[in-house]
Full PDB file with SEQRES, HELIX, SHEET, SSBOND, CRYST1, ORIGX, SCALE, CONECT and MASTER records, all heavy atoms in Angstrom:
SEQRES   1 A   44  ASP ASN GLU LYS ALA ILE HIS SER VAL ARG GLU GLN ILE          
SEQRES   2 A   44  ALA ASP ARG GLY HIS SER ALA THR PHE ILE HIS ARG ALA          
SEQRES   3 A   44  GLU ALA LEU PRO ALA GLN ASP PRO ASP LEU ILE LEU SER          
SEQRES   4 A   44  VAL GLY GLY ASP GLY                                          
HELIX    1 AA1 ASN A    2  ASP A   15  1                                  14    
CRYST1    1.000    1.000    1.000  90.00  90.00  90.00 P 1           1          
ORIGX1      1.000000  0.000000  0.000000        0.00000                         
ORIGX2      0.000000  1.000000  0.000000        0.00000                         
ORIGX3      0.000000  0.000000  1.000000        0.00000                         
SCALE1      1.000000  0.000000  0.000000        0.00000                         
SCALE2      0.000000  1.000000  0.000000        0.00000                         
SCALE3      0.000000  0.000000  1.000000        0.00000                         
ATOM      1  N   ASP A   1       2.401  77.705 174.317  1.00  0.00           N  
ATOM      2  CA  ASP A   1       3.619  77.548 173.554  1.00  0.00           C  
ATOM      3  C   ASP A   1       4.859  77.549 174.409  1.00  0.00           C  
ATOM      4  O   ASP A   1       5.744  76.797 174.203  1.00  0.00           O  
ATOM      5  CB  ASP A   1       3.726  78.809 172.596  1.00  0.00           C  
ATOM      6  CG  ASP A   1       2.707  78.699 171.480  1.00  0.00           C  
ATOM      7  OD1 ASP A   1       2.165  77.592 171.171  1.00  0.00           O  
ATOM      8  OD2 ASP A   1       2.503  79.746 170.770  1.00  0.00           O  
ATOM      9  N   ASN A   2       4.799  78.319 175.454  1.00  0.00           N  
ATOM     10  CA  ASN A   2       6.017  78.422 176.382  1.00  0.00           C  
ATOM     11  C   ASN A   2       6.101  77.104 177.119  1.00  0.00           C  
ATOM     12  O   ASN A   2       7.239  76.626 177.297  1.00  0.00           O  
ATOM     13  CB  ASN A   2       5.757  79.565 177.400  1.00  0.00           C  
ATOM     14  CG  ASN A   2       6.946  79.891 178.242  1.00  0.00           C  
ATOM     15  OD1 ASN A   2       8.043  80.098 177.682  1.00  0.00           O  
ATOM     16  ND2 ASN A   2       6.856  79.707 179.481  1.00  0.00           N  
ATOM     17  N   GLU A   3       4.976  76.550 177.548  1.00  0.00           N  
ATOM     18  CA  GLU A   3       5.047  75.306 178.252  1.00  0.00           C  
ATOM     19  C   GLU A   3       5.641  74.142 177.389  1.00  0.00           C  
ATOM     20  O   GLU A   3       6.431  73.260 177.804  1.00  0.00           O  
ATOM     21  CB  GLU A   3       3.681  74.884 178.807  1.00  0.00           C  
ATOM     22  CG  GLU A   3       3.153  75.800 179.967  1.00  0.00           C  
ATOM     23  CD  GLU A   3       3.836  75.442 181.170  1.00  0.00           C  
ATOM     24  OE1 GLU A   3       3.721  74.385 181.801  1.00  0.00           O  
ATOM     25  OE2 GLU A   3       4.575  76.406 181.647  1.00  0.00           O  
ATOM     26  N   LYS A   4       5.121  74.145 176.183  1.00  0.00           N  
ATOM     27  CA  LYS A   4       5.649  73.060 175.233  1.00  0.00           C  
ATOM     28  C   LYS A   4       7.120  73.238 174.945  1.00  0.00           C  
ATOM     29  O   LYS A   4       7.863  72.252 174.767  1.00  0.00           O  
ATOM     30  CB  LYS A   4       4.871  73.188 173.830  1.00  0.00           C  
ATOM     31  CG  LYS A   4       3.396  72.732 174.018  1.00  0.00           C  
ATOM     32  CD  LYS A   4       2.612  72.986 172.721  1.00  0.00           C  
ATOM     33  CE  LYS A   4       1.164  72.639 172.877  1.00  0.00           C  
ATOM     34  NZ  LYS A   4       0.459  72.941 171.592  1.00  0.00           N  
ATOM     35  N   ALA A   5       7.588  74.557 174.835  1.00  0.00           N  
ATOM     36  CA  ALA A   5       9.002  74.788 174.547  1.00  0.00           C  
ATOM     37  C   ALA A   5       9.881  74.254 175.667  1.00  0.00           C  
ATOM     38  O   ALA A   5      10.892  73.688 175.440  1.00  0.00           O  
ATOM     39  CB  ALA A   5       9.178  76.299 174.294  1.00  0.00           C  
ATOM     40  N   ILE A   6       9.441  74.610 176.833  1.00  0.00           N  
ATOM     41  CA  ILE A   6      10.289  74.212 178.067  1.00  0.00           C  
ATOM     42  C   ILE A   6      10.316  72.682 178.136  1.00  0.00           C  
ATOM     43  O   ILE A   6      11.379  72.163 178.348  1.00  0.00           O  
ATOM     44  CB  ILE A   6       9.671  74.797 179.365  1.00  0.00           C  
ATOM     45  CG1 ILE A   6       9.823  76.397 179.368  1.00  0.00           C  
ATOM     46  CG2 ILE A   6      10.251  74.213 180.594  1.00  0.00           C  
ATOM     47  CD1 ILE A   6       9.025  77.020 180.511  1.00  0.00           C  
ATOM     48  N   HIS A   7       9.192  71.997 177.923  1.00  0.00           N  
ATOM     49  CA  HIS A   7       9.249  70.580 177.914  1.00  0.00           C  
ATOM     50  C   HIS A   7      10.157  69.960 176.837  1.00  0.00           C  
ATOM     51  O   HIS A   7      10.994  69.108 177.078  1.00  0.00           O  
ATOM     52  CB  HIS A   7       7.761  70.050 177.682  1.00  0.00           C  
ATOM     53  CG  HIS A   7       7.648  68.504 177.638  1.00  0.00           C  
ATOM     54  ND1 HIS A   7       7.842  67.797 178.794  1.00  0.00           N  
ATOM     55  CD2 HIS A   7       7.520  67.672 176.562  1.00  0.00           C  
ATOM     56  CE1 HIS A   7       7.677  66.519 178.472  1.00  0.00           C  
ATOM     57  NE2 HIS A   7       7.484  66.412 177.125  1.00  0.00           N  
ATOM     58  N   SER A   8      10.149  70.632 175.697  1.00  0.00           N  
ATOM     59  CA  SER A   8      10.967  70.197 174.611  1.00  0.00           C  
ATOM     60  C   SER A   8      12.440  70.376 174.906  1.00  0.00           C  
ATOM     61  O   SER A   8      13.325  69.463 174.631  1.00  0.00           O  
ATOM     62  CB  SER A   8      10.626  70.962 173.316  1.00  0.00           C  
ATOM     63  OG  SER A   8      11.527  70.555 172.258  1.00  0.00           O  
ATOM     64  N   VAL A   9      12.782  71.487 175.427  1.00  0.00           N  
ATOM     65  CA  VAL A   9      14.186  71.809 175.865  1.00  0.00           C  
ATOM     66  C   VAL A   9      14.700  70.689 176.905  1.00  0.00           C  
ATOM     67  O   VAL A   9      15.789  70.254 176.829  1.00  0.00           O  
ATOM     68  CB  VAL A   9      14.298  73.101 176.414  1.00  0.00           C  
ATOM     69  CG1 VAL A   9      15.678  73.459 177.061  1.00  0.00           C  
ATOM     70  CG2 VAL A   9      14.032  74.215 175.313  1.00  0.00           C  
ATOM     71  N   ARG A  10      13.754  70.491 177.916  1.00  0.00           N  
ATOM     72  CA  ARG A  10      14.165  69.519 178.946  1.00  0.00           C  
ATOM     73  C   ARG A  10      14.442  68.059 178.311  1.00  0.00           C  
ATOM     74  O   ARG A  10      15.406  67.513 178.667  1.00  0.00           O  
ATOM     75  CB  ARG A  10      12.985  69.322 179.924  1.00  0.00           C  
ATOM     76  CG  ARG A  10      12.892  70.481 180.977  1.00  0.00           C  
ATOM     77  CD  ARG A  10      11.638  70.261 181.813  1.00  0.00           C  
ATOM     78  NE  ARG A  10      11.529  71.342 182.764  1.00  0.00           N  
ATOM     79  CZ  ARG A  10      11.926  71.243 184.130  1.00  0.00           C  
ATOM     80  NH1 ARG A  10      12.661  70.176 184.397  1.00  0.00           N  
ATOM     81  NH2 ARG A  10      11.775  72.247 184.915  1.00  0.00           N  
ATOM     82  N   GLU A  11      13.585  67.739 177.341  1.00  0.00           N  
ATOM     83  CA  GLU A  11      13.733  66.451 176.673  1.00  0.00           C  
ATOM     84  C   GLU A  11      15.097  66.398 175.939  1.00  0.00           C  
ATOM     85  O   GLU A  11      15.754  65.375 175.993  1.00  0.00           O  
ATOM     86  CB  GLU A  11      12.634  66.111 175.722  1.00  0.00           C  
ATOM     87  CG  GLU A  11      11.294  65.738 176.502  1.00  0.00           C  
ATOM     88  CD  GLU A  11      10.285  65.188 175.464  1.00  0.00           C  
ATOM     89  OE1 GLU A  11      10.312  65.726 174.269  1.00  0.00           O  
ATOM     90  OE2 GLU A  11       9.486  64.374 175.744  1.00  0.00           O  
ATOM     91  N   GLN A  12      15.396  67.464 175.219  1.00  0.00           N  
ATOM     92  CA  GLN A  12      16.627  67.386 174.367  1.00  0.00           C  
ATOM     93  C   GLN A  12      17.812  67.364 175.174  1.00  0.00           C  
ATOM     94  O   GLN A  12      18.861  66.819 174.843  1.00  0.00           O  
ATOM     95  CB  GLN A  12      16.542  68.565 173.414  1.00  0.00           C  
ATOM     96  CG  GLN A  12      15.469  68.419 172.297  1.00  0.00           C  
ATOM     97  CD  GLN A  12      15.456  69.637 171.309  1.00  0.00           C  
ATOM     98  OE1 GLN A  12      16.322  69.841 170.587  1.00  0.00           O  
ATOM     99  NE2 GLN A  12      14.358  70.461 171.566  1.00  0.00           N  
ATOM    100  N   ILE A  13      17.797  68.040 176.329  1.00  0.00           N  
ATOM    101  CA  ILE A  13      18.937  68.023 177.329  1.00  0.00           C  
ATOM    102  C   ILE A  13      19.085  66.613 177.935  1.00  0.00           C  
ATOM    103  O   ILE A  13      20.261  66.025 177.883  1.00  0.00           O  
ATOM    104  CB  ILE A  13      18.744  69.008 178.392  1.00  0.00           C  
ATOM    105  CG1 ILE A  13      18.872  70.542 177.806  1.00  0.00           C  
ATOM    106  CG2 ILE A  13      19.838  68.843 179.551  1.00  0.00           C  
ATOM    107  CD1 ILE A  13      18.524  71.527 178.791  1.00  0.00           C  
ATOM    108  N   ALA A  14      17.980  66.015 178.289  1.00  0.00           N  
ATOM    109  CA  ALA A  14      18.014  64.660 178.906  1.00  0.00           C  
ATOM    110  C   ALA A  14      18.460  63.606 177.914  1.00  0.00           C  
ATOM    111  O   ALA A  14      19.178  62.697 178.275  1.00  0.00           O  
ATOM    112  CB  ALA A  14      16.622  64.300 179.459  1.00  0.00           C  
ATOM    113  N   ASP A  15      17.919  63.756 176.681  1.00  0.00           N  
ATOM    114  CA  ASP A  15      18.374  62.728 175.629  1.00  0.00           C  
ATOM    115  C   ASP A  15      19.870  62.681 175.379  1.00  0.00           C  
ATOM    116  O   ASP A  15      20.378  61.667 174.915  1.00  0.00           O  
ATOM    117  CB  ASP A  15      17.766  63.102 174.301  1.00  0.00           C  
ATOM    118  CG  ASP A  15      16.166  62.811 174.315  1.00  0.00           C  
ATOM    119  OD1 ASP A  15      15.718  62.143 175.230  1.00  0.00           O  
ATOM    120  OD2 ASP A  15      15.436  63.356 173.417  1.00  0.00           O  
ATOM    121  N   ARG A  16      20.548  63.765 175.660  1.00  0.00           N  
ATOM    122  CA  ARG A  16      22.046  63.904 175.434  1.00  0.00           C  
ATOM    123  C   ARG A  16      22.695  63.541 176.778  1.00  0.00           C  
ATOM    124  O   ARG A  16      24.013  63.675 176.729  1.00  0.00           O  
ATOM    125  CB  ARG A  16      22.375  65.249 174.903  1.00  0.00           C  
ATOM    126  CG  ARG A  16      22.012  65.327 173.324  1.00  0.00           C  
ATOM    127  CD  ARG A  16      21.852  66.810 172.981  1.00  0.00           C  
ATOM    128  NE  ARG A  16      21.587  66.854 171.553  1.00  0.00           N  
ATOM    129  CZ  ARG A  16      20.343  66.558 171.010  1.00  0.00           C  
ATOM    130  NH1 ARG A  16      19.294  66.322 171.766  1.00  0.00           N  
ATOM    131  NH2 ARG A  16      20.208  66.559 169.719  1.00  0.00           N  
ATOM    132  N   GLY A  17      22.050  63.256 177.828  1.00  0.00           N  
ATOM    133  CA  GLY A  17      22.756  62.833 179.068  1.00  0.00           C  
ATOM    134  C   GLY A  17      23.443  64.011 179.795  1.00  0.00           C  
ATOM    135  O   GLY A  17      24.275  63.763 180.670  1.00  0.00           O  
ATOM    136  N   HIS A  18      23.058  65.318 179.470  1.00  0.00           N  
ATOM    137  CA  HIS A  18      23.641  66.370 180.083  1.00  0.00           C  
ATOM    138  C   HIS A  18      22.942  66.581 181.526  1.00  0.00           C  
ATOM    139  O   HIS A  18      21.787  66.461 181.744  1.00  0.00           O  
ATOM    140  CB  HIS A  18      23.474  67.618 179.375  1.00  0.00           C  
ATOM    141  CG  HIS A  18      24.079  67.605 177.994  1.00  0.00           C  
ATOM    142  ND1 HIS A  18      25.493  67.216 177.802  1.00  0.00           N  
ATOM    143  CD2 HIS A  18      23.645  67.951 176.730  1.00  0.00           C  
ATOM    144  CE1 HIS A  18      25.713  67.215 176.529  1.00  0.00           C  
ATOM    145  NE2 HIS A  18      24.692  67.692 175.915  1.00  0.00           N  
ATOM    146  N   SER A  19      23.768  67.130 182.493  1.00  0.00           N  
ATOM    147  CA  SER A  19      23.218  67.449 183.762  1.00  0.00           C  
ATOM    148  C   SER A  19      22.781  68.896 183.743  1.00  0.00           C  
ATOM    149  O   SER A  19      23.488  69.727 183.222  1.00  0.00           O  
ATOM    150  CB  SER A  19      24.315  67.300 184.853  1.00  0.00           C  
ATOM    151  OG  SER A  19      23.929  67.800 186.085  1.00  0.00           O  
ATOM    152  N   ALA A  20      21.656  69.097 184.265  1.00  0.00           N  
ATOM    153  CA  ALA A  20      21.079  70.520 184.192  1.00  0.00           C  
ATOM    154  C   ALA A  20      20.283  70.808 185.470  1.00  0.00           C  
ATOM    155  O   ALA A  20      19.695  69.916 185.997  1.00  0.00           O  
ATOM    156  CB  ALA A  20      20.126  70.680 182.939  1.00  0.00           C  
ATOM    157  N   THR A  21      20.250  72.047 185.760  1.00  0.00           N  
ATOM    158  CA  THR A  21      19.477  72.664 186.851  1.00  0.00           C  
ATOM    159  C   THR A  21      18.438  73.680 186.257  1.00  0.00           C  
ATOM    160  O   THR A  21      18.858  74.470 185.373  1.00  0.00           O  
ATOM    161  CB  THR A  21      20.288  73.413 187.793  1.00  0.00           C  
ATOM    162  OG1 THR A  21      21.238  72.595 188.414  1.00  0.00           O  
ATOM    163  CG2 THR A  21      19.510  74.023 188.968  1.00  0.00           C  
ATOM    164  N   PHE A  22      17.138  73.395 186.518  1.00  0.00           N  
ATOM    165  CA  PHE A  22      16.116  74.400 185.961  1.00  0.00           C  
ATOM    166  C   PHE A  22      15.541  75.306 186.985  1.00  0.00           C  
ATOM    167  O   PHE A  22      15.259  74.916 188.082  1.00  0.00           O  
ATOM    168  CB  PHE A  22      14.980  73.402 185.391  1.00  0.00           C  
ATOM    169  CG  PHE A  22      15.356  72.546 184.343  1.00  0.00           C  
ATOM    170  CD1 PHE A  22      15.883  71.255 184.571  1.00  0.00           C  
ATOM    171  CD2 PHE A  22      15.381  72.953 182.953  1.00  0.00           C  
ATOM    172  CE1 PHE A  22      16.248  70.353 183.583  1.00  0.00           C  
ATOM    173  CE2 PHE A  22      15.764  72.044 181.978  1.00  0.00           C  
ATOM    174  CZ  PHE A  22      16.262  70.840 182.285  1.00  0.00           C  
ATOM    175  N   ILE A  23      15.568  76.622 186.717  1.00  0.00           N  
ATOM    176  CA  ILE A  23      15.075  77.627 187.597  1.00  0.00           C  
ATOM    177  C   ILE A  23      14.171  78.618 186.892  1.00  0.00           C  
ATOM    178  O   ILE A  23      14.239  78.662 185.580  1.00  0.00           O  
ATOM    179  CB  ILE A  23      16.205  78.329 188.273  1.00  0.00           C  
ATOM    180  CG1 ILE A  23      17.027  79.112 187.220  1.00  0.00           C  
ATOM    181  CG2 ILE A  23      17.052  77.470 189.086  1.00  0.00           C  
ATOM    182  CD1 ILE A  23      18.056  80.059 187.829  1.00  0.00           C  
ATOM    183  N   HIS A  24      13.311  79.272 187.488  1.00  0.00           N  
ATOM    184  CA  HIS A  24      12.428  80.258 186.990  1.00  0.00           C  
ATOM    185  C   HIS A  24      13.187  81.654 186.820  1.00  0.00           C  
ATOM    186  O   HIS A  24      14.119  81.832 187.532  1.00  0.00           O  
ATOM    187  CB  HIS A  24      11.161  80.486 187.820  1.00  0.00           C  
ATOM    188  CG  HIS A  24      10.260  79.317 187.703  1.00  0.00           C  
ATOM    189  ND1 HIS A  24       9.529  78.881 186.476  1.00  0.00           N  
ATOM    190  CD2 HIS A  24       9.874  78.399 188.675  1.00  0.00           C  
ATOM    191  CE1 HIS A  24       8.803  77.898 186.809  1.00  0.00           C  
ATOM    192  NE2 HIS A  24       9.028  77.515 188.051  1.00  0.00           N  
ATOM    193  N   ARG A  25      12.769  82.490 185.969  1.00  0.00           N  
ATOM    194  CA  ARG A  25      13.443  83.701 185.560  1.00  0.00           C  
ATOM    195  C   ARG A  25      13.537  84.648 186.776  1.00  0.00           C  
ATOM    196  O   ARG A  25      14.473  85.445 186.947  1.00  0.00           O  
ATOM    197  CB  ARG A  25      12.843  84.365 184.482  1.00  0.00           C  
ATOM    198  CG  ARG A  25      11.336  84.897 184.689  1.00  0.00           C  
ATOM    199  CD  ARG A  25      10.701  85.367 183.473  1.00  0.00           C  
ATOM    200  NE  ARG A  25      11.087  86.760 183.053  1.00  0.00           N  
ATOM    201  CZ  ARG A  25      10.695  87.377 182.082  1.00  0.00           C  
ATOM    202  NH1 ARG A  25       9.735  86.834 181.305  1.00  0.00           N  
ATOM    203  NH2 ARG A  25      11.185  88.555 181.792  1.00  0.00           N  
ATOM    204  N   ALA A  26      12.654  84.597 187.775  1.00  0.00           N  
ATOM    205  CA  ALA A  26      12.624  85.369 188.934  1.00  0.00           C  
ATOM    206  C   ALA A  26      13.662  84.897 190.065  1.00  0.00           C  
ATOM    207  O   ALA A  26      13.921  85.654 191.022  1.00  0.00           O  
ATOM    208  CB  ALA A  26      11.284  85.579 189.567  1.00  0.00           C  
ATOM    209  N   GLU A  27      14.172  83.722 189.876  1.00  0.00           N  
ATOM    210  CA  GLU A  27      15.129  83.208 190.799  1.00  0.00           C  
ATOM    211  C   GLU A  27      16.543  83.496 190.499  1.00  0.00           C  
ATOM    212  O   GLU A  27      16.833  83.592 189.355  1.00  0.00           O  
ATOM    213  CB  GLU A  27      14.912  81.649 190.915  1.00  0.00           C  
ATOM    214  CG  GLU A  27      13.569  81.256 191.374  1.00  0.00           C  
ATOM    215  CD  GLU A  27      13.349  79.654 191.317  1.00  0.00           C  
ATOM    216  OE1 GLU A  27      13.870  79.098 190.372  1.00  0.00           O  
ATOM    217  OE2 GLU A  27      12.659  79.205 192.147  1.00  0.00           O  
ATOM    218  N   ALA A  28      17.385  83.602 191.496  1.00  0.00           N  
ATOM    219  CA  ALA A  28      18.744  83.940 191.261  1.00  0.00           C  
ATOM    220  C   ALA A  28      19.507  82.699 190.802  1.00  0.00           C  
ATOM    221  O   ALA A  28      19.039  81.503 191.078  1.00  0.00           O  
ATOM    222  CB  ALA A  28      19.526  84.324 192.562  1.00  0.00           C  
ATOM    223  N   LEU A  29      20.478  82.790 190.066  1.00  0.00           N  
ATOM    224  CA  LEU A  29      21.163  81.651 189.532  1.00  0.00           C  
ATOM    225  C   LEU A  29      21.886  80.867 190.622  1.00  0.00           C  
ATOM    226  O   LEU A  29      22.244  81.374 191.626  1.00  0.00           O  
ATOM    227  CB  LEU A  29      22.293  82.079 188.519  1.00  0.00           C  
ATOM    228  CG  LEU A  29      21.772  82.776 187.255  1.00  0.00           C  
ATOM    229  CD1 LEU A  29      23.030  83.135 186.366  1.00  0.00           C  
ATOM    230  CD2 LEU A  29      20.876  81.835 186.425  1.00  0.00           C  
ATOM    231  N   PRO A  30      21.920  79.580 190.474  1.00  0.00           N  
ATOM    232  CA  PRO A  30      22.603  78.716 191.532  1.00  0.00           C  
ATOM    233  C   PRO A  30      24.082  79.042 191.718  1.00  0.00           C  
ATOM    234  O   PRO A  30      24.693  79.568 190.771  1.00  0.00           O  
ATOM    235  CB  PRO A  30      22.350  77.343 191.048  1.00  0.00           C  
ATOM    236  CG  PRO A  30      22.101  77.411 189.633  1.00  0.00           C  
ATOM    237  CD  PRO A  30      21.468  78.697 189.385  1.00  0.00           C  
ATOM    238  N   ALA A  31      24.665  78.552 192.785  1.00  0.00           N  
ATOM    239  CA  ALA A  31      26.119  78.887 193.067  1.00  0.00           C  
ATOM    240  C   ALA A  31      27.029  78.293 192.086  1.00  0.00           C  
ATOM    241  O   ALA A  31      28.117  78.789 191.840  1.00  0.00           O  
ATOM    242  CB  ALA A  31      26.358  78.495 194.522  1.00  0.00           C  
ATOM    243  N   GLN A  32      26.739  77.066 191.621  1.00  0.00           N  
ATOM    244  CA  GLN A  32      27.741  76.399 190.763  1.00  0.00           C  
ATOM    245  C   GLN A  32      27.987  77.170 189.439  1.00  0.00           C  
ATOM    246  O   GLN A  32      26.984  77.832 188.995  1.00  0.00           O  
ATOM    247  CB  GLN A  32      27.252  74.910 190.456  1.00  0.00           C  
ATOM    248  CG  GLN A  32      25.965  74.809 189.510  1.00  0.00           C  
ATOM    249  CD  GLN A  32      24.772  74.541 190.335  1.00  0.00           C  
ATOM    250  OE1 GLN A  32      24.662  75.060 191.464  1.00  0.00           O  
ATOM    251  NE2 GLN A  32      23.848  73.806 189.790  1.00  0.00           N  
ATOM    252  N   ASP A  33      29.092  76.955 188.807  1.00  0.00           N  
ATOM    253  CA  ASP A  33      29.378  77.553 187.658  1.00  0.00           C  
ATOM    254  C   ASP A  33      29.125  76.684 186.417  1.00  0.00           C  
ATOM    255  O   ASP A  33      29.895  75.724 186.214  1.00  0.00           O  
ATOM    256  CB  ASP A  33      30.965  77.950 187.628  1.00  0.00           C  
ATOM    257  CG  ASP A  33      31.249  78.930 186.473  1.00  0.00           C  
ATOM    258  OD1 ASP A  33      30.362  79.487 185.817  1.00  0.00           O  
ATOM    259  OD2 ASP A  33      32.502  79.042 186.168  1.00  0.00           O  
ATOM    260  N   PRO A  34      28.045  76.797 185.671  1.00  0.00           N  
ATOM    261  CA  PRO A  34      27.719  75.904 184.578  1.00  0.00           C  
ATOM    262  C   PRO A  34      28.571  76.119 183.320  1.00  0.00           C  
ATOM    263  O   PRO A  34      29.188  77.197 183.230  1.00  0.00           O  
ATOM    264  CB  PRO A  34      26.239  76.333 184.310  1.00  0.00           C  
ATOM    265  CG  PRO A  34      26.183  77.743 184.615  1.00  0.00           C  
ATOM    266  CD  PRO A  34      27.135  77.989 185.760  1.00  0.00           C  
ATOM    267  N   ASP A  35      28.592  75.110 182.505  1.00  0.00           N  
ATOM    268  CA  ASP A  35      29.229  75.217 181.214  1.00  0.00           C  
ATOM    269  C   ASP A  35      28.484  76.110 180.251  1.00  0.00           C  
ATOM    270  O   ASP A  35      29.003  76.797 179.415  1.00  0.00           O  
ATOM    271  CB  ASP A  35      29.374  73.815 180.602  1.00  0.00           C  
ATOM    272  CG  ASP A  35      30.342  72.863 181.418  1.00  0.00           C  
ATOM    273  OD1 ASP A  35      31.384  73.411 181.721  1.00  0.00           O  
ATOM    274  OD2 ASP A  35      29.930  71.787 181.692  1.00  0.00           O  
ATOM    275  N   LEU A  36      27.178  76.141 180.408  1.00  0.00           N  
ATOM    276  CA  LEU A  36      26.357  76.861 179.531  1.00  0.00           C  
ATOM    277  C   LEU A  36      25.000  77.177 180.296  1.00  0.00           C  
ATOM    278  O   LEU A  36      24.481  76.365 181.012  1.00  0.00           O  
ATOM    279  CB  LEU A  36      25.990  76.026 178.299  1.00  0.00           C  
ATOM    280  CG  LEU A  36      24.998  76.643 177.230  1.00  0.00           C  
ATOM    281  CD1 LEU A  36      25.654  77.914 176.581  1.00  0.00           C  
ATOM    282  CD2 LEU A  36      24.676  75.608 176.108  1.00  0.00           C  
ATOM    283  N   ILE A  37      24.468  78.389 180.038  1.00  0.00           N  
ATOM    284  CA  ILE A  37      23.159  78.884 180.582  1.00  0.00           C  
ATOM    285  C   ILE A  37      22.264  78.926 179.335  1.00  0.00           C  
ATOM    286  O   ILE A  37      22.503  79.656 178.421  1.00  0.00           O  
ATOM    287  CB  ILE A  37      23.338  80.220 181.345  1.00  0.00           C  
ATOM    288  CG1 ILE A  37      24.168  79.999 182.576  1.00  0.00           C  
ATOM    289  CG2 ILE A  37      21.897  80.675 181.712  1.00  0.00           C  
ATOM    290  CD1 ILE A  37      24.436  81.330 183.278  1.00  0.00           C  
ATOM    291  N   LEU A  38      21.107  78.306 179.460  1.00  0.00           N  
ATOM    292  CA  LEU A  38      20.020  78.452 178.469  1.00  0.00           C  
ATOM    293  C   LEU A  38      18.903  79.322 178.945  1.00  0.00           C  
ATOM    294  O   LEU A  38      18.427  79.109 180.082  1.00  0.00           O  
ATOM    295  CB  LEU A  38      19.462  77.092 178.099  1.00  0.00           C  
ATOM    296  CG  LEU A  38      20.076  76.303 176.958  1.00  0.00           C  
ATOM    297  CD1 LEU A  38      21.459  75.807 177.340  1.00  0.00           C  
ATOM    298  CD2 LEU A  38      19.222  75.127 176.480  1.00  0.00           C  
ATOM    299  N   SER A  39      18.691  80.342 178.187  1.00  0.00           N  
ATOM    300  CA  SER A  39      17.534  81.231 178.503  1.00  0.00           C  
ATOM    301  C   SER A  39      16.359  80.899 177.619  1.00  0.00           C  
ATOM    302  O   SER A  39      16.372  81.098 176.458  1.00  0.00           O  
ATOM    303  CB  SER A  39      17.925  82.670 178.334  1.00  0.00           C  
ATOM    304  OG  SER A  39      16.817  83.591 178.451  1.00  0.00           O  
ATOM    305  N   VAL A  40      15.360  80.261 178.192  1.00  0.00           N  
ATOM    306  CA  VAL A  40      14.172  79.817 177.415  1.00  0.00           C  
ATOM    307  C   VAL A  40      12.967  80.828 177.587  1.00  0.00           C  
ATOM    308  O   VAL A  40      12.370  80.888 178.669  1.00  0.00           O  
ATOM    309  CB  VAL A  40      13.742  78.436 177.849  1.00  0.00           C  
ATOM    310  CG1 VAL A  40      12.651  77.884 176.857  1.00  0.00           C  
ATOM    311  CG2 VAL A  40      14.931  77.468 177.774  1.00  0.00           C  
ATOM    312  N   GLY A  41      12.689  81.592 176.652  1.00  0.00           N  
ATOM    313  CA  GLY A  41      11.573  82.497 176.725  1.00  0.00           C  
ATOM    314  C   GLY A  41      11.682  83.503 175.569  1.00  0.00           C  
ATOM    315  O   GLY A  41      11.748  83.058 174.394  1.00  0.00           O  
ATOM    316  N   GLY A  42      11.932  84.789 175.856  1.00  0.00           N  
ATOM    317  CA  GLY A  42      12.087  85.825 174.723  1.00  0.00           C  
ATOM    318  C   GLY A  42      13.226  86.680 175.215  1.00  0.00           C  
ATOM    319  O   GLY A  42      14.071  86.345 176.008  1.00  0.00           O  
ATOM    320  N   ASP A  43      13.274  87.878 174.568  1.00  0.00           N  
ATOM    321  CA  ASP A  43      14.341  88.784 174.886  1.00  0.00           C  
ATOM    322  C   ASP A  43      14.225  89.299 176.370  1.00  0.00           C  
ATOM    323  O   ASP A  43      15.228  89.567 176.986  1.00  0.00           O  
ATOM    324  CB  ASP A  43      14.304  89.982 173.931  1.00  0.00           C  
ATOM    325  CG  ASP A  43      14.766  89.620 172.510  1.00  0.00           C  
ATOM    326  OD1 ASP A  43      15.622  88.757 172.440  1.00  0.00           O  
ATOM    327  OD2 ASP A  43      14.294  90.378 171.579  1.00  0.00           O  
ATOM    328  N   GLY A  44      13.008  89.437 176.807  1.00  0.00           N  
ATOM    329  CA  GLY A  44      12.819  89.851 178.210  1.00  0.00           C  
ATOM    330  C   GLY A  44      13.492  88.822 179.169  1.00  0.00           C  
ATOM    331  O   GLY A  44      14.020  89.285 180.206  1.00  0.00           O  
TER     332      GLY A  44                                                      
MASTER        0    0    0    1    0    0    0    6  331    1    0    4          
END                                                                             
């Protein structure tokens, strides 16, 4: 379910032409200041 959700989120971002950086939860956020951060998972 998690894999399908991540794939769906990627598709919907790409369909709208937005630029996005994808990282895993254990990695630190990149240096650039994004307009929006999407957390894909659960409350954890």
